Amino acid sequence: MNIKKARGYMNKQLQDESLRQGYRANIAMLIYDDQMTDKGGKSSKPPTNLSTVEGCNSIAERIIDLVFK
């Protein structure tokens, strides 16, 4: 399967809201963890838009759209 077909397939599958929510949550958590910890794993940064559930979900949704649409 070429990349265009694979991306189209994933885009179609991500129309299932429960699957999309799972992808979004995993991406959002990665972003949150990255924003809230330093390289040693200790909390060091003040809260930002990316340290809120809404902010992380928003950027995760944009990443999913960028990759699969």
N, C-alpha and C. Protein backbone atom coordinates (compact mmCIF):
# COMPACT_ATOMS: atom_id res chain seq x y z
N MET A 1 0.86 -1.18 0.00
CA MET A 1 0.00 0.00 0.00
C MET A 1 0.91 1.24 0.00
N ASN A 2 0.64 2.17 -0.89
CA ASN A 2 1.45 3.38 -0.90
C ASN A 2 0.97 4.35 0.18
N ILE A 3 1.78 5.37 0.44
CA ILE A 3 1.49 6.29 1.54
C ILE A 3 0.17 7.03 1.34
N LYS A 4 -0.15 7.39 0.10
CA LYS A 4 -1.40 8.11 -0.15
C LYS A 4 -2.60 7.24 0.22
N LYS A 5 -2.56 5.97 -0.16
CA LYS A 5 -3.66 5.06 0.19
C LYS A 5 -3.71 4.82 1.70
N ALA A 6 -2.54 4.69 2.31
CA ALA A 6 -2.48 4.45 3.76
C ALA A 6 -3.05 5.64 4.53
N ARG A 7 -2.69 6.85 4.10
CA ARG A 7 -3.22 8.04 4.76
C ARG A 7 -4.73 8.14 4.56
N GLY A 8 -5.20 7.82 3.36
CA GLY A 8 -6.64 7.84 3.10
C GLY A 8 -7.37 6.82 3.96
N TYR A 9 -6.77 5.63 4.10
CA TYR A 9 -7.36 4.58 4.92
C TYR A 9 -7.46 5.05 6.38
N MET A 10 -6.36 5.61 6.92
CA MET A 10 -6.38 6.08 8.30
C MET A 10 -7.37 7.22 8.49
N ASN A 11 -7.45 8.11 7.50
CA ASN A 11 -8.41 9.21 7.59
C ASN A 11 -9.83 8.65 7.69
N LYS A 12 -10.12 7.64 6.89
CA LYS A 12 -11.44 7.02 6.93
C LYS A 12 -11.69 6.36 8.29
N GLN A 13 -10.70 5.63 8.79
CA GLN A 13 -10.86 4.95 10.08
C GLN A 13 -11.03 5.94 11.23
N LEU A 14 -10.37 7.10 11.12
CA LEU A 14 -10.45 8.09 12.18
C LEU A 14 -11.77 8.86 12.19
N GLN A 15 -12.68 8.50 11.30
CA GLN A 15 -14.03 9.06 11.37
C GLN A 15 -14.79 8.44 12.54
N ASP A 16 -14.31 7.27 13.00
CA ASP A 16 -14.86 6.62 14.19
C ASP A 16 -14.39 7.45 15.40
N GLU A 17 -15.32 8.12 16.06
CA GLU A 17 -14.96 9.07 17.11
C GLU A 17 -14.22 8.40 18.28
N SER A 18 -14.54 7.16 18.61
CA SER A 18 -13.84 6.52 19.73
C SER A 18 -12.38 6.24 19.37
N LEU A 19 -12.11 5.82 18.15
CA LEU A 19 -10.73 5.60 17.71
C LEU A 19 -10.00 6.94 17.65
N ARG A 20 -10.65 7.95 17.10
CA ARG A 20 -10.04 9.28 17.00
C ARG A 20 -9.73 9.82 18.40
N GLN A 21 -10.64 9.62 19.33
CA GLN A 21 -10.43 10.09 20.70
C GLN A 21 -9.20 9.41 21.31
N GLY A 22 -9.01 8.13 21.05
CA GLY A 22 -7.84 7.42 21.56
C GLY A 22 -6.54 7.98 20.99
N TYR A 23 -6.51 8.20 19.68
CA TYR A 23 -5.32 8.80 19.06
C TYR A 23 -5.07 10.19 19.64
N ARG A 24 -6.12 10.99 19.73
CA ARG A 24 -6.00 12.35 20.23
C ARG A 24 -5.49 12.35 21.67
N ALA A 25 -6.01 11.47 22.51
CA ALA A 25 -5.59 11.42 23.91
C ALA A 25 -4.11 11.05 24.04
N ASN A 26 -3.65 10.11 23.24
CA ASN A 26 -2.25 9.71 23.31
C ASN A 26 -1.32 10.82 22.85
N ILE A 27 -1.67 11.50 21.78
CA ILE A 27 -0.87 12.62 21.30
C ILE A 27 -0.89 13.75 22.32
N ALA A 28 -2.08 14.04 22.84
CA ALA A 28 -2.23 15.13 23.81
C ALA A 28 -1.40 14.85 25.06
N MET A 29 -1.37 13.62 25.53
CA MET A 29 -0.60 13.29 26.74
C MET A 29 0.89 13.46 26.50
N LEU A 30 1.36 13.08 25.33
CA LEU A 30 2.76 13.28 24.98
C LEU A 30 3.12 14.77 25.02
N ILE A 31 2.25 15.58 24.45
CA ILE A 31 2.48 17.03 24.44
C ILE A 31 2.46 17.57 25.87
N TYR A 32 1.48 17.16 26.65
CA TYR A 32 1.37 17.61 28.04
C TYR A 32 2.62 17.24 28.83
N ASP A 33 3.03 15.98 28.74
CA ASP A 33 4.22 15.54 29.48
C ASP A 33 5.44 16.34 29.08
N ASP A 34 5.58 16.59 27.79
CA ASP A 34 6.73 17.34 27.29
C ASP A 34 6.72 18.77 27.82
N GLN A 35 5.55 19.39 27.91
CA GLN A 35 5.45 20.77 28.35
C GLN A 35 5.62 20.93 29.86
N MET A 36 5.33 19.90 30.61
CA MET A 36 5.30 20.02 32.07
C MET A 36 6.54 19.49 32.78
N THR A 37 7.49 18.89 32.04
CA THR A 37 8.67 18.34 32.70
C THR A 37 9.94 18.80 32.00
N ASP A 38 11.03 18.82 32.77
CA ASP A 38 12.31 19.12 32.18
C ASP A 38 12.95 17.82 31.70
N LYS A 39 14.18 17.89 31.20
CA LYS A 39 14.83 16.69 30.66
C LYS A 39 15.04 15.62 31.72
N GLY A 40 15.12 16.01 32.97
CA GLY A 40 15.28 15.05 34.05
C GLY A 40 13.98 14.45 34.55
N GLY A 41 12.85 14.87 33.96
CA GLY A 41 11.56 14.34 34.34
C GLY A 41 10.89 15.09 35.49
N LYS A 42 11.50 16.19 35.93
CA LYS A 42 10.92 16.97 37.02
C LYS A 42 10.07 18.10 36.48
N SER A 43 8.99 18.40 37.19
CA SER A 43 8.11 19.49 36.80
C SER A 43 8.87 20.81 36.95
N SER A 44 8.86 21.61 35.88
CA SER A 44 9.65 22.84 35.96
C SER A 44 9.02 24.05 35.30
N LYS A 45 8.06 23.85 34.45
CA LYS A 45 7.54 24.97 33.68
C LYS A 45 6.19 25.43 34.22
N PRO A 46 5.93 26.73 34.10
CA PRO A 46 4.59 27.20 34.49
C PRO A 46 3.56 26.71 33.48
N PRO A 47 2.31 26.62 33.87
CA PRO A 47 1.27 26.17 32.94
C PRO A 47 1.20 27.04 31.68
N THR A 48 0.95 26.39 30.57
CA THR A 48 0.75 27.06 29.29
C THR A 48 -0.53 26.52 28.68
N ASN A 49 -0.90 27.01 27.50
CA ASN A 49 -2.07 26.46 26.81
C ASN A 49 -1.90 24.96 26.60
N LEU A 50 -0.67 24.51 26.38
CA LEU A 50 -0.43 23.09 26.14
C LEU A 50 -0.40 22.28 27.43
N SER A 51 -0.61 22.91 28.56
CA SER A 51 -0.69 22.15 29.81
C SER A 51 -2.12 22.03 30.30
N THR A 52 -3.07 22.30 29.40
CA THR A 52 -4.48 22.09 29.73
C THR A 52 -5.02 20.97 28.85
N VAL A 53 -6.02 20.29 29.32
CA VAL A 53 -6.64 19.22 28.54
C VAL A 53 -7.13 19.77 27.20
N GLU A 54 -7.80 20.91 27.25
CA GLU A 54 -8.35 21.49 26.03
C GLU A 54 -7.25 21.86 25.05
N GLY A 55 -6.19 22.49 25.54
CA GLY A 55 -5.09 22.90 24.69
C GLY A 55 -4.39 21.72 24.04
N CYS A 56 -4.13 20.66 24.83
CA CYS A 56 -3.48 19.46 24.31
C CYS A 56 -4.37 18.76 23.29
N ASN A 57 -5.66 18.65 23.58
CA ASN A 57 -6.56 18.01 22.62
C ASN A 57 -6.66 18.80 21.33
N SER A 58 -6.63 20.11 21.43
CA SER A 58 -6.70 20.94 20.24
C SER A 58 -5.50 20.73 19.34
N ILE A 59 -4.29 20.75 19.91
CA ILE A 59 -3.10 20.55 19.08
C ILE A 59 -3.03 19.12 18.57
N ALA A 60 -3.48 18.16 19.37
CA ALA A 60 -3.50 16.76 18.92
C ALA A 60 -4.42 16.60 17.72
N GLU A 61 -5.56 17.24 17.76
CA GLU A 61 -6.51 17.17 16.64
C GLU A 61 -5.89 17.77 15.39
N ARG A 62 -5.18 18.88 15.54
CA ARG A 62 -4.51 19.50 14.40
C ARG A 62 -3.44 18.59 13.82
N ILE A 63 -2.70 17.88 14.70
CA ILE A 63 -1.67 16.94 14.22
C ILE A 63 -2.31 15.78 13.46
N ILE A 64 -3.39 15.22 13.99
CA ILE A 64 -4.08 14.12 13.29
C ILE A 64 -4.54 14.58 11.91
N ASP A 65 -5.14 15.76 11.83
CA ASP A 65 -5.57 16.28 10.54
C ASP A 65 -4.39 16.48 9.60
N LEU A 66 -3.29 17.01 10.11
CA LEU A 66 -2.12 17.24 9.28
C LEU A 66 -1.56 15.95 8.72
N VAL A 67 -1.49 14.91 9.53
CA VAL A 67 -0.90 13.64 9.11
C VAL A 67 -1.84 12.85 8.19
N PHE A 68 -3.13 12.82 8.50
CA PHE A 68 -4.02 11.88 7.82
C PHE A 68 -4.98 12.50 6.82
N LYS A 69 -4.98 13.79 6.64
CA LYS A 69 -5.88 14.38 5.63
C LYS A 69 -5.09 14.86 4.44
